Amino acid sequence: MSEILVSEAPQNPALADSAERLHAVVAEVERVIVGQADLLRGLIIGLLADGHVLLEGLPGLAKSLAVESLAKAVGGVCHRIQFTPDLLPSDLMGTQVYNPKDGDWTVHEGPIFGNFVLADEINRAPAKVQSALLEAMQERQVTLAGETRRLPEPFLVLATQNPVEQEGTYPLPEAQLDRFMLKIVVDYPNREEERQIIERMRSTARPSVQQVASPEDVLAARRALDEVFVDEKINAYVVDLVFATRDPASAGLSELRDHIDYGASPRASIALTRASAANALLEGRSFVTPMDVKAIAHDVLRHRVVPSFEAEAAGLRAEDLVQRILDTVPVP
């Protein structure tokens, strides 16, 4: 049994079926990925809640492997794009190609047309390429050769970035960061997990991921997510948390007033509510509790809270500011 899911299934049959299928997906991915429970949990929540995911971590921590394994487990089309400084928007979206034999133009769709788009090292691409993703991420469509084309369903952008190496990188603008529902920080495995990794990888007969679900199952799970009950008190709690990032003094955190340049947008409130509902489903419940909100709040808010110069001088990260807010805002 995975650490992410528990055996107690929701009473609603649709929720129970969705939880069972997602459990099978997680179990299949775990045949390849050792540990990284937070990473897998974030990917599953993003898939279930229909939200893009930004993965931040050092090289070699199985970020790309986890995304590719998830795509195989659900039978989705996965396209990997290695972002580089010379990448062009057409390399992402596609272009028109002239056919001299027929004397006409043919539209060649780019790698953005996939169920899972792995944007590897997204912060290495220039602003014009990053901005080309905005329409696709928000509207689930792209304009190609003057024609609007819908992207396949499900459609998920899973981007990776290296937090240390800054040479030749372009920081993601706040507008694009806000398009990511979750930002998952991927850390090193512990000693036992690393020992298991060595054991698995020293042999040429390595485990592989098999398809255990379909894209239609993912869409059905998203429809089932609408059946998860969210009480009005939970909605109020989410609003209180988000408003505290904009006006800390209103939440009794006057000392943070000068430590936050920008707080979270209404898109954060929507993301936090949907992600909390997804977490509840994965935990085997048909209703959301405050603990679901707290469990996913860091992943939803860490990239939407911009620390000020004063905060950086005091050694406070966005992570620290979010934790202070979670510790202070009353739980219903």
C-alpha atoms as a PDB file:
ATOM      1  CA  MET A   1       0.000   0.000   0.000  1.00  0.00           C
ATOM      2  CA  SER A   2       1.346   3.374  -0.980  1.00  0.00           C
ATOM      3  CA  GLU A   3       2.063   6.052   1.580  1.00  0.00           C
ATOM      4  CA  ILE A   4      -0.065   8.406  -0.491  1.00  0.00           C
ATOM      5  CA  LEU A   5      -3.311   6.480  -0.437  1.00  0.00           C
ATOM      6  CA  VAL A   6      -5.051   4.638   2.348  1.00  0.00           C
ATOM      7  CA  SER A   7      -7.211   1.574   2.189  1.00  0.00           C
ATOM      8  CA  GLU A   8     -10.385   3.278   3.373  1.00  0.00           C
ATOM      9  CA  ALA A   9     -12.270   4.226   0.222  1.00  0.00           C
ATOM     10  CA  PRO A  10     -14.923   6.961  -0.052  1.00  0.00           C
ATOM     11  CA  GLN A  11     -18.528   5.781   0.295  1.00  0.00           C
ATOM     12  CA  ASN A  12     -19.503   7.411  -3.004  1.00  0.00           C
ATOM     13  CA  PRO A  13     -19.010   4.682  -5.672  1.00  0.00           C
ATOM     14  CA  ALA A  14     -17.547   7.116  -8.219  1.00  0.00           C
ATOM     15  CA  LEU A  15     -15.037   8.395  -5.661  1.00  0.00           C
ATOM     16  CA  ALA A  16     -14.198   4.860  -4.592  1.00  0.00           C
ATOM     17  CA  ASP A  17     -13.530   3.793  -8.177  1.00  0.00           C
ATOM     18  CA  SER A  18     -11.392   6.865  -8.844  1.00  0.00           C
ATOM     19  CA  ALA A  19      -9.386   6.357  -5.656  1.00  0.00           C
ATOM     20  CA  GLU A  20      -8.783   2.706  -6.579  1.00  0.00           C
ATOM     21  CA  ARG A  21      -7.555   3.571 -10.075  1.00  0.00           C
ATOM     22  CA  LEU A  22      -5.281   6.310  -8.806  1.00  0.00           C
ATOM     23  CA  HIS A  23      -3.922   3.917  -6.203  1.00  0.00           C
ATOM     24  CA  ALA A  24      -3.058   1.512  -8.996  1.00  0.00           C
ATOM     25  CA  VAL A  25      -1.289   4.299 -10.905  1.00  0.00           C
ATOM     26  CA  VAL A  26       0.782   5.279  -7.861  1.00  0.00           C
ATOM     27  CA  ALA A  27       1.684   1.672  -7.127  1.00  0.00           C
ATOM     28  CA  GLU A  28       2.846   1.160 -10.708  1.00  0.00           C
ATOM     29  CA  VAL A  29       5.016   4.302 -10.686  1.00  0.00           C
ATOM     30  CA  GLU A  30       6.525   3.220  -7.370  1.00  0.00           C
ATOM     31  CA  ARG A  31       7.873   0.127  -9.109  1.00  0.00           C
ATOM     32  CA  VAL A  32      10.368   2.482 -10.760  1.00  0.00           C
ATOM     33  CA  ILE A  33      10.622   5.449  -8.373  1.00  0.00           C
ATOM     34  CA  VAL A  34      12.076   4.820  -4.911  1.00  0.00           C
ATOM     35  CA  GLY A  35      10.801   7.161  -2.217  1.00  0.00           C
ATOM     36  CA  GLN A  36       9.942  10.730  -3.339  1.00  0.00           C
ATOM     37  CA  ALA A  37       6.469  10.408  -1.815  1.00  0.00           C
ATOM     38  CA  ASP A  38       5.912  14.188  -1.928  1.00  0.00           C
ATOM     39  CA  LEU A  39       6.825  14.285  -5.606  1.00  0.00           C
ATOM     40  CA  LEU A  40       4.441  11.462  -6.525  1.00  0.00           C
ATOM     41  CA  ARG A  41       1.686  12.902  -4.354  1.00  0.00           C
ATOM     42  CA  GLY A  42       2.042  16.293  -6.043  1.00  0.00           C
ATOM     43  CA  LEU A  43       1.957  14.783  -9.531  1.00  0.00           C
ATOM     44  CA  ILE A  44      -1.167  12.761  -8.750  1.00  0.00           C
ATOM     45  CA  ILE A  45      -2.924  15.767  -7.190  1.00  0.00           C
ATOM     46  CA  GLY A  46      -2.027  17.909 -10.202  1.00  0.00           C
ATOM     47  CA  LEU A  47      -3.340  15.216 -12.549  1.00  0.00           C
ATOM     48  CA  LEU A  48      -6.551  14.791 -10.563  1.00  0.00           C
ATOM     49  CA  ALA A  49      -7.202  18.503  -9.960  1.00  0.00           C
ATOM     50  CA  ASP A  50      -6.316  19.463 -13.562  1.00  0.00           C
ATOM     51  CA  GLY A  51      -3.440  21.736 -12.601  1.00  0.00           C
ATOM     52  CA  HIS A  52       0.070  22.205 -13.978  1.00  0.00           C
ATOM     53  CA  VAL A  53       3.024  21.336 -11.738  1.00  0.00           C
ATOM     54  CA  LEU A  54       6.443  22.970 -11.370  1.00  0.00           C
ATOM     55  CA  LEU A  55       9.159  20.665 -10.044  1.00  0.00           C
ATOM     56  CA  GLU A  56      12.215  22.272  -8.483  1.00  0.00           C
ATOM     57  CA  GLY A  57      15.202  20.192  -7.525  1.00  0.00           C
ATOM     58  CA  LEU A  58      18.803  19.392  -8.260  1.00  0.00           C
ATOM     59  CA  PRO A  59      19.735  17.098 -11.169  1.00  0.00           C
ATOM     60  CA  GLY A  60      19.472  13.351 -10.691  1.00  0.00           C
ATOM     61  CA  LEU A  61      16.453  13.280  -8.377  1.00  0.00           C
ATOM     62  CA  ALA A  62      14.128  11.393 -10.797  1.00  0.00           C
ATOM     63  CA  LYS A  63      11.945  14.375 -11.715  1.00  0.00           C
ATOM     64  CA  SER A  64      11.819  13.561 -15.422  1.00  0.00           C
ATOM     65  CA  LEU A  65      11.605   9.821 -14.778  1.00  0.00           C
ATOM     66  CA  ALA A  66       8.622  10.325 -12.474  1.00  0.00           C
ATOM     67  CA  VAL A  67       6.745  12.331 -15.122  1.00  0.00           C
ATOM     68  CA  GLU A  68       7.483   9.847 -17.904  1.00  0.00           C
ATOM     69  CA  SER A  69       6.499   6.930 -15.654  1.00  0.00           C
ATOM     70  CA  LEU A  70       3.210   8.612 -14.728  1.00  0.00           C
ATOM     71  CA  ALA A  71       2.397   9.145 -18.407  1.00  0.00           C
ATOM     72  CA  LYS A  72       3.039   5.477 -19.168  1.00  0.00           C
ATOM     73  CA  ALA A  73       0.915   4.340 -16.228  1.00  0.00           C
ATOM     74  CA  VAL A  74      -2.144   6.253 -17.485  1.00  0.00           C
ATOM     75  CA  GLY A  75      -1.530   5.590 -21.178  1.00  0.00           C
ATOM     76  CA  GLY A  76      -1.039   9.244 -22.077  1.00  0.00           C
ATOM     77  CA  VAL A  77       1.114  10.770 -24.797  1.00  0.00           C
ATOM     78  CA  CYS A  78       4.199  12.317 -23.200  1.00  0.00           C
ATOM     79  CA  HIS A  79       6.404  14.794 -25.043  1.00  0.00           C
ATOM     80  CA  ARG A  80       9.661  15.936 -23.485  1.00  0.00           C
ATOM     81  CA  ILE A  81      11.037  19.339 -24.485  1.00  0.00           C
ATOM     82  CA  GLN A  82      14.571  20.266 -23.473  1.00  0.00           C
ATOM     83  CA  PHE A  83      14.429  24.017 -22.987  1.00  0.00           C
ATOM     84  CA  THR A  84      17.523  25.886 -24.202  1.00  0.00           C
ATOM     85  CA  PRO A  85      18.369  29.579 -24.744  1.00  0.00           C
ATOM     86  CA  ASP A  86      18.015  29.216 -28.528  1.00  0.00           C
ATOM     87  CA  LEU A  87      14.576  27.552 -28.402  1.00  0.00           C
ATOM     88  CA  LEU A  88      11.903  29.247 -30.526  1.00  0.00           C
ATOM     89  CA  PRO A  89       8.132  29.352 -29.939  1.00  0.00           C
ATOM     90  CA  SER A  90       7.646  27.371 -33.159  1.00  0.00           C
ATOM     91  CA  ASP A  91       9.799  24.580 -31.694  1.00  0.00           C
ATOM     92  CA  LEU A  92       7.142  24.280 -29.021  1.00  0.00           C
ATOM     93  CA  MET A  93       3.881  25.015 -30.822  1.00  0.00           C
ATOM     94  CA  GLY A  94       4.636  23.794 -34.332  1.00  0.00           C
ATOM     95  CA  THR A  95       4.909  25.505 -37.689  1.00  0.00           C
ATOM     96  CA  GLN A  96       3.846  25.481 -41.326  1.00  0.00           C
ATOM     97  CA  VAL A  97       5.988  23.495 -43.750  1.00  0.00           C
ATOM     98  CA  TYR A  98       5.923  24.119 -47.498  1.00  0.00           C
ATOM     99  CA  ASN A  99       5.565  21.047 -49.689  1.00  0.00           C
ATOM    100  CA  PRO A 100       7.113  21.857 -53.102  1.00  0.00           C
ATOM    101  CA  LYS A 101       5.664  18.717 -54.676  1.00  0.00           C
ATOM    102  CA  ASP A 102       2.057  19.698 -53.976  1.00  0.00           C
ATOM    103  CA  GLY A 103       2.678  23.428 -53.844  1.00  0.00           C
ATOM    104  CA  ASP A 104       0.847  23.877 -50.565  1.00  0.00           C
ATOM    105  CA  TRP A 105       1.567  24.337 -46.865  1.00  0.00           C
ATOM    106  CA  THR A 106       1.167  21.662 -44.209  1.00  0.00           C
ATOM    107  CA  VAL A 107       0.785  22.377 -40.508  1.00  0.00           C
ATOM    108  CA  HIS A 108       3.111  20.304 -38.315  1.00  0.00           C
ATOM    109  CA  GLU A 109       1.981  20.293 -34.711  1.00  0.00           C
ATOM    110  CA  GLY A 110       4.698  20.751 -32.108  1.00  0.00           C
ATOM    111  CA  PRO A 111       5.346  18.768 -28.934  1.00  0.00           C
ATOM    112  CA  ILE A 112       2.867  20.921 -26.993  1.00  0.00           C
ATOM    113  CA  PHE A 113       0.188  18.619 -28.472  1.00  0.00           C
ATOM    114  CA  GLY A 114       0.414  15.852 -25.885  1.00  0.00           C
ATOM    115  CA  ASN A 115      -1.300  14.760 -22.690  1.00  0.00           C
ATOM    116  CA  PHE A 116       1.856  15.273 -20.641  1.00  0.00           C
ATOM    117  CA  VAL A 117       4.300  17.977 -21.685  1.00  0.00           C
ATOM    118  CA  LEU A 118       7.573  17.715 -19.790  1.00  0.00           C
ATOM    119  CA  ALA A 119       9.237  21.133 -19.997  1.00  0.00           C
ATOM    120  CA  ASP A 120      12.716  20.202 -18.846  1.00  0.00           C
ATOM    121  CA  GLU A 121      14.706  23.091 -17.342  1.00  0.00           C
ATOM    122  CA  ILE A 122      12.009  25.580 -18.249  1.00  0.00           C
ATOM    123  CA  ASN A 123      14.002  28.490 -16.838  1.00  0.00           C
ATOM    124  CA  ARG A 124      16.652  28.050 -19.571  1.00  0.00           C
ATOM    125  CA  ALA A 125      14.302  29.273 -22.304  1.00  0.00           C
ATOM    126  CA  PRO A 126      13.973  32.991 -23.140  1.00  0.00           C
ATOM    127  CA  ALA A 127      10.883  34.997 -22.247  1.00  0.00           C
ATOM    128  CA  LYS A 128       9.272  34.693 -25.697  1.00  0.00           C
ATOM    129  CA  VAL A 129       9.203  30.900 -25.380  1.00  0.00           C
ATOM    130  CA  GLN A 130       7.989  30.984 -21.796  1.00  0.00           C
ATOM    131  CA  SER A 131       5.192  33.381 -22.754  1.00  0.00           C
ATOM    132  CA  ALA A 132       4.187  31.082 -25.616  1.00  0.00           C
ATOM    133  CA  LEU A 133       3.203  28.569 -22.958  1.00  0.00           C
ATOM    134  CA  LEU A 134       0.743  30.928 -21.266  1.00  0.00           C
ATOM    135  CA  GLU A 135      -2.145  30.478 -23.725  1.00  0.00           C
ATOM    136  CA  ALA A 136      -1.629  26.728 -23.763  1.00  0.00           C
ATOM    137  CA  MET A 137      -1.492  26.444 -19.963  1.00  0.00           C
ATOM    138  CA  GLN A 138      -4.470  28.682 -19.271  1.00  0.00           C
ATOM    139  CA  GLU A 139      -6.772  28.239 -22.262  1.00  0.00           C
ATOM    140  CA  ARG A 140      -5.793  24.663 -23.217  1.00  0.00           C
ATOM    141  CA  GLN A 141      -5.486  25.801 -26.807  1.00  0.00           C
ATOM    142  CA  VAL A 142      -2.861  27.303 -29.110  1.00  0.00           C
ATOM    143  CA  THR A 143      -3.009  29.512 -32.173  1.00  0.00           C
ATOM    144  CA  LEU A 144      -1.113  27.900 -35.026  1.00  0.00           C
ATOM    145  CA  ALA A 145      -1.059  29.218 -38.608  1.00  0.00           C
ATOM    146  CA  GLY A 146      -3.889  31.592 -37.745  1.00  0.00           C
ATOM    147  CA  GLU A 147      -6.080  28.750 -36.505  1.00  0.00           C
ATOM    148  CA  THR A 148      -7.050  27.950 -32.931  1.00  0.00           C
ATOM    149  CA  ARG A 149      -6.392  24.322 -32.076  1.00  0.00           C
ATOM    150  CA  ARG A 150      -7.577  22.594 -28.934  1.00  0.00           C
ATOM    151  CA  LEU A 151      -5.059  20.596 -26.936  1.00  0.00           C
ATOM    152  CA  PRO A 152      -5.807  16.970 -26.020  1.00  0.00           C
ATOM    153  CA  GLU A 153      -7.472  16.023 -22.749  1.00  0.00           C
ATOM    154  CA  PRO A 154      -6.069  15.509 -20.233  1.00  0.00           C
ATOM    155  CA  PHE A 155      -3.403  18.154 -20.770  1.00  0.00           C
ATOM    156  CA  LEU A 156      -0.748  18.750 -18.141  1.00  0.00           C
ATOM    157  CA  VAL A 157       2.434  20.838 -18.238  1.00  0.00           C
ATOM    158  CA  LEU A 158       5.049  19.443 -15.870  1.00  0.00           C
ATOM    159  CA  ALA A 159       8.066  21.734 -15.765  1.00  0.00           C
ATOM    160  CA  THR A 160      11.407  21.214 -14.051  1.00  0.00           C
ATOM    161  CA  GLN A 161      13.974  23.780 -12.992  1.00  0.00           C
ATOM    162  CA  ASN A 162      17.354  23.710 -11.280  1.00  0.00           C
ATOM    163  CA  PRO A 163      17.368  25.973  -8.188  1.00  0.00           C
ATOM    164  CA  VAL A 164      21.161  26.339  -8.035  1.00  0.00           C
ATOM    165  CA  GLU A 165      22.676  26.805 -11.481  1.00  0.00           C
ATOM    166  CA  GLN A 166      21.760  30.305 -12.683  1.00  0.00           C
ATOM    167  CA  GLU A 167      24.101  30.827 -15.654  1.00  0.00           C
ATOM    168  CA  GLY A 168      22.095  31.013 -18.867  1.00  0.00           C
ATOM    169  CA  THR A 169      18.733  30.930 -17.088  1.00  0.00           C
ATOM    170  CA  TYR A 170      15.739  33.255 -17.224  1.00  0.00           C
ATOM    171  CA  PRO A 171      13.632  33.518 -14.044  1.00  0.00           C
ATOM    172  CA  LEU A 172       9.980  32.681 -14.654  1.00  0.00           C
ATOM    173  CA  PRO A 173       7.752  35.766 -14.474  1.00  0.00           C
ATOM    174  CA  GLU A 174       5.096  35.882 -11.768  1.00  0.00           C
ATOM    175  CA  ALA A 175       2.343  35.678 -14.404  1.00  0.00           C
ATOM    176  CA  GLN A 176       3.627  32.311 -15.566  1.00  0.00           C
ATOM    177  CA  LEU A 177       4.397  31.009 -12.089  1.00  0.00           C
ATOM    178  CA  ASP A 178       0.769  31.699 -11.192  1.00  0.00           C
ATOM    179  CA  ARG A 179      -0.323  29.317 -13.961  1.00  0.00           C
ATOM    180  CA  PHE A 180       1.211  26.410 -12.074  1.00  0.00           C
ATOM    181  CA  MET A 181      -1.194  24.978  -9.541  1.00  0.00           C
ATOM    182  CA  LEU A 182       1.618  23.416  -7.515  1.00  0.00           C
ATOM    183  CA  LYS A 183       5.320  23.903  -7.003  1.00  0.00           C
ATOM    184  CA  ILE A 184       6.940  20.754  -5.636  1.00  0.00           C
ATOM    185  CA  VAL A 185      10.392  20.979  -4.076  1.00  0.00           C
ATOM    186  CA  VAL A 186      12.214  17.704  -4.702  1.00  0.00           C
ATOM    187  CA  ASP A 187      14.847  16.791  -2.130  1.00  0.00           C
ATOM    188  CA  TYR A 188      17.507  14.086  -1.813  1.00  0.00           C
ATOM    189  CA  PRO A 189      16.419  10.545  -0.833  1.00  0.00           C
ATOM    190  CA  ASN A 190      17.310   9.255   2.606  1.00  0.00           C
ATOM    191  CA  ARG A 191      19.996   6.611   3.181  1.00  0.00           C
ATOM    192  CA  GLU A 192      17.690   3.601   2.953  1.00  0.00           C
ATOM    193  CA  GLU A 193      16.006   4.915  -0.194  1.00  0.00           C
ATOM    194  CA  GLU A 194      19.370   5.545  -1.836  1.00  0.00           C
ATOM    195  CA  ARG A 195      20.471   2.018  -0.971  1.00  0.00           C
ATOM    196  CA  GLN A 196      17.328   0.696  -2.685  1.00  0.00           C
ATOM    197  CA  ILE A 197      18.039   2.864  -5.728  1.00  0.00           C
ATOM    198  CA  ILE A 198      21.515   1.340  -6.049  1.00  0.00           C
ATOM    199  CA  GLU A 199      20.082  -2.157  -5.694  1.00  0.00           C
ATOM    200  CA  ARG A 200      17.533  -1.587  -8.454  1.00  0.00           C
ATOM    201  CA  MET A 201      19.826   0.184 -10.898  1.00  0.00           C
ATOM    202  CA  ARG A 202      22.890  -2.067 -10.694  1.00  0.00           C
ATOM    203  CA  SER A 203      21.161  -4.715 -12.804  1.00  0.00           C
ATOM    204  CA  THR A 204      20.434  -4.497 -16.519  1.00  0.00           C
ATOM    205  CA  ALA A 205      16.976  -6.003 -15.869  1.00  0.00           C
ATOM    206  CA  ARG A 206      15.359  -2.875 -14.494  1.00  0.00           C
ATOM    207  CA  PRO A 207      11.650  -2.555 -13.647  1.00  0.00           C
ATOM    208  CA  SER A 208       9.416  -0.853 -16.206  1.00  0.00           C
ATOM    209  CA  VAL A 209       6.030   0.823 -15.928  1.00  0.00           C
ATOM    210  CA  GLN A 210       2.951  -0.784 -17.450  1.00  0.00           C
ATOM    211  CA  GLN A 211      -0.298   0.959 -18.324  1.00  0.00           C
ATOM    212  CA  VAL A 212      -2.864   0.442 -15.552  1.00  0.00           C
ATOM    213  CA  ALA A 213      -5.316   3.253 -16.407  1.00  0.00           C
ATOM    214  CA  SER A 214      -6.391   5.341 -19.388  1.00  0.00           C
ATOM    215  CA  PRO A 215      -6.840   9.043 -20.142  1.00  0.00           C
ATOM    216  CA  GLU A 216     -10.579   8.436 -19.939  1.00  0.00           C
ATOM    217  CA  ASP A 217     -10.108   7.171 -16.377  1.00  0.00           C
ATOM    218  CA  VAL A 218      -8.338  10.419 -15.517  1.00  0.00           C
ATOM    219  CA  LEU A 219     -11.201  12.476 -16.931  1.00  0.00           C
ATOM    220  CA  ALA A 220     -13.692  10.330 -14.988  1.00  0.00           C
ATOM    221  CA  ALA A 221     -11.708  10.897 -11.798  1.00  0.00           C
ATOM    222  CA  ARG A 222     -11.826  14.647 -12.405  1.00  0.00           C
ATOM    223  CA  ARG A 223     -15.597  14.479 -12.740  1.00  0.00           C
ATOM    224  CA  ALA A 224     -15.762  12.455  -9.527  1.00  0.00           C
ATOM    225  CA  LEU A 225     -13.712  15.130  -7.772  1.00  0.00           C
ATOM    226  CA  ASP A 226     -16.720  17.445  -8.106  1.00  0.00           C
ATOM    227  CA  GLU A 227     -18.545  15.125  -5.706  1.00  0.00           C
ATOM    228  CA  VAL A 228     -16.103  15.812  -2.857  1.00  0.00           C
ATOM    229  CA  PHE A 229     -17.922  17.993  -0.337  1.00  0.00           C
ATOM    230  CA  VAL A 230     -16.328  21.321   0.602  1.00  0.00           C
ATOM    231  CA  ASP A 231     -17.976  22.993   3.586  1.00  0.00           C
ATOM    232  CA  GLU A 232     -18.415  26.756   3.664  1.00  0.00           C
ATOM    233  CA  LYS A 233     -16.087  26.896   6.678  1.00  0.00           C
ATOM    234  CA  ILE A 234     -13.346  25.340   4.533  1.00  0.00           C
ATOM    235  CA  ASN A 235     -13.923  27.935   1.832  1.00  0.00           C
ATOM    236  CA  ALA A 236     -13.663  30.677   4.451  1.00  0.00           C
ATOM    237  CA  TYR A 237     -10.439  29.138   5.790  1.00  0.00           C
ATOM    238  CA  VAL A 238      -8.921  29.098   2.298  1.00  0.00           C
ATOM    239  CA  VAL A 239      -9.864  32.754   1.793  1.00  0.00           C
ATOM    240  CA  ASP A 240      -8.393  33.677   5.180  1.00  0.00           C
ATOM    241  CA  LEU A 241      -5.078  32.030   4.271  1.00  0.00           C
ATOM    242  CA  VAL A 242      -4.860  33.703   0.871  1.00  0.00           C
ATOM    243  CA  PHE A 243      -5.853  37.117   2.235  1.00  0.00           C
ATOM    244  CA  ALA A 244      -3.198  36.769   4.927  1.00  0.00           C
ATOM    245  CA  THR A 245      -0.551  36.619   2.169  1.00  0.00           C
ATOM    246  CA  ARG A 246      -1.818  39.962   0.828  1.00  0.00           C
ATOM    247  CA  ASP A 247      -2.477  41.736   4.123  1.00  0.00           C
ATOM    248  CA  PRO A 248      -0.630  39.967   6.955  1.00  0.00           C
ATOM    249  CA  ALA A 249      -1.700  42.603   9.496  1.00  0.00           C
ATOM    250  CA  SER A 250      -5.367  41.599   9.058  1.00  0.00           C
ATOM    251  CA  ALA A 251      -4.421  38.105  10.243  1.00  0.00           C
ATOM    252  CA  GLY A 252      -2.511  39.350  13.272  1.00  0.00           C
ATOM    253  CA  LEU A 253       0.864  39.169  11.521  1.00  0.00           C
ATOM    254  CA  SER A 254       1.865  42.827  11.514  1.00  0.00           C
ATOM    255  CA  GLU A 255       5.520  41.820  11.681  1.00  0.00           C
ATOM    256  CA  LEU A 256       5.217  40.333   8.173  1.00  0.00           C
ATOM    257  CA  ARG A 257       3.768  43.484   6.624  1.00  0.00           C
ATOM    258  CA  ASP A 258       7.117  44.539   5.198  1.00  0.00           C
ATOM    259  CA  HIS A 259       8.237  41.008   4.396  1.00  0.00           C
ATOM    260  CA  ILE A 260       5.822  40.242   1.536  1.00  0.00           C
ATOM    261  CA  ASP A 261       5.986  42.235  -1.696  1.00  0.00           C
ATOM    262  CA  TYR A 262       3.155  40.374  -3.417  1.00  0.00           C
ATOM    263  CA  GLY A 263       0.609  37.926  -2.082  1.00  0.00           C
ATOM    264  CA  ALA A 264      -1.339  35.145  -3.759  1.00  0.00           C
ATOM    265  CA  SER A 265      -3.975  35.828  -6.421  1.00  0.00           C
ATOM    266  CA  PRO A 266      -7.567  34.515  -6.579  1.00  0.00           C
ATOM    267  CA  ARG A 267      -6.161  31.756  -8.769  1.00  0.00           C
ATOM    268  CA  ALA A 268      -4.427  30.512  -5.608  1.00  0.00           C
ATOM    269  CA  SER A 269      -7.769  30.273  -3.776  1.00  0.00           C
ATOM    270  CA  ILE A 270      -9.192  28.151  -6.581  1.00  0.00           C
ATOM    271  CA  ALA A 271      -6.088  25.966  -6.728  1.00  0.00           C
ATOM    272  CA  LEU A 272      -5.964  25.483  -2.953  1.00  0.00           C
ATOM    273  CA  THR A 273      -9.621  24.427  -2.832  1.00  0.00           C
ATOM    274  CA  ARG A 274      -9.338  21.950  -5.717  1.00  0.00           C
ATOM    275  CA  ALA A 275      -6.030  20.541  -4.519  1.00  0.00           C
ATOM    276  CA  SER A 276      -7.452  20.091  -1.006  1.00  0.00           C
ATOM    277  CA  ALA A 277     -10.403  18.195  -2.443  1.00  0.00           C
ATOM    278  CA  ALA A 278      -8.008  16.005  -4.437  1.00  0.00           C
ATOM    279  CA  ASN A 279      -5.996  15.325  -1.290  1.00  0.00           C
ATOM    280  CA  ALA A 280      -9.193  14.313   0.526  1.00  0.00           C
ATOM    281  CA  LEU A 281     -10.112  11.870  -2.232  1.00  0.00           C
ATOM    282  CA  LEU A 282      -6.631  10.361  -2.171  1.00  0.00           C
ATOM    283  CA  GLU A 283      -6.884  10.009   1.606  1.00  0.00           C
ATOM    284  CA  GLY A 284     -10.134   8.070   1.198  1.00  0.00           C
ATOM    285  CA  ARG A 285     -12.645  10.736   2.179  1.00  0.00           C
ATOM    286  CA  SER A 286     -15.565  12.353   0.368  1.00  0.00           C
ATOM    287  CA  PHE A 287     -15.218  15.637   2.268  1.00  0.00           C
ATOM    288  CA  VAL A 288     -12.443  18.165   2.839  1.00  0.00           C
ATOM    289  CA  THR A 289     -10.968  18.868   6.270  1.00  0.00           C
ATOM    290  CA  PRO A 290      -8.677  21.730   7.377  1.00  0.00           C
ATOM    291  CA  MET A 291      -5.838  19.187   7.469  1.00  0.00           C
ATOM    292  CA  ASP A 292      -6.262  18.663   3.717  1.00  0.00           C
ATOM    293  CA  VAL A 293      -5.815  22.397   3.212  1.00  0.00           C
ATOM    294  CA  LYS A 294      -2.723  22.490   5.410  1.00  0.00           C
ATOM    295  CA  ALA A 295      -1.272  19.405   3.733  1.00  0.00           C
ATOM    296  CA  ILE A 296      -1.212  21.061   0.312  1.00  0.00           C
ATOM    297  CA  ALA A 297      -0.920  24.775   1.230  1.00  0.00           C
ATOM    298  CA  HIS A 298       2.877  24.973   0.877  1.00  0.00           C
ATOM    299  CA  ASP A 299       2.793  23.476  -2.623  1.00  0.00           C
ATOM    300  CA  VAL A 300       0.079  25.923  -3.721  1.00  0.00           C
ATOM    301  CA  LEU A 301       1.434  29.093  -2.105  1.00  0.00           C
ATOM    302  CA  ARG A 302       5.252  28.859  -2.057  1.00  0.00           C
ATOM    303  CA  HIS A 303       5.633  30.194  -5.613  1.00  0.00           C
ATOM    304  CA  ARG A 304       2.882  32.795  -5.265  1.00  0.00           C
ATOM    305  CA  VAL A 305       4.224  34.612  -2.197  1.00  0.00           C
ATOM    306  CA  VAL A 306       7.050  36.991  -3.151  1.00  0.00           C
ATOM    307  CA  PRO A 307       9.331  37.865  -0.203  1.00  0.00           C
ATOM    308  CA  SER A 308      10.554  41.431   0.055  1.00  0.00           C
ATOM    309  CA  PHE A 309      14.154  42.573   0.306  1.00  0.00           C
ATOM    310  CA  GLU A 310      13.646  42.923   4.067  1.00  0.00           C
ATOM    311  CA  ALA A 311      12.541  39.292   4.277  1.00  0.00           C
ATOM    312  CA  GLU A 312      15.552  38.092   2.303  1.00  0.00           C
ATOM    313  CA  ALA A 313      17.847  40.171   4.502  1.00  0.00           C
ATOM    314  CA  ALA A 314      16.289  38.499   7.535  1.00  0.00           C
ATOM    315  CA  GLY A 315      16.824  35.063   5.974  1.00  0.00           C
ATOM    316  CA  LEU A 316      13.101  34.406   5.453  1.00  0.00           C
ATOM    317  CA  ARG A 317      12.019  32.402   2.424  1.00  0.00           C
ATOM    318  CA  ALA A 318       8.532  32.180   0.957  1.00  0.00           C
ATOM    319  CA  GLU A 319       8.338  28.768   2.636  1.00  0.00           C
ATOM    320  CA  ASP A 320       8.886  30.391   6.048  1.00  0.00           C
ATOM    321  CA  LEU A 321       6.293  33.091   5.436  1.00  0.00           C
ATOM    322  CA  VAL A 322       3.661  30.536   4.405  1.00  0.00           C
ATOM    323  CA  GLN A 323       4.377  28.477   7.529  1.00  0.00           C
ATOM    324  CA  ARG A 324       3.963  31.541   9.754  1.00  0.00           C
ATOM    325  CA  ILE A 325       0.584  32.189   8.149  1.00  0.00           C
ATOM    326  CA  LEU A 326      -0.510  28.565   8.592  1.00  0.00           C
ATOM    327  CA  ASP A 327       0.536  28.671  12.245  1.00  0.00           C
ATOM    328  CA  THR A 328      -1.402  31.899  12.912  1.00  0.00           C
ATOM    329  CA  VAL A 329      -4.654  31.816  10.928  1.00  0.00           C
ATOM    330  CA  PRO A 330      -7.341  30.125  13.084  1.00  0.00           C
ATOM    331  CA  VAL A 331      -8.384  26.656  11.949  1.00  0.00           C
ATOM    332  CA  PRO A 332     -12.182  26.150  11.706  1.00  0.00           C
END
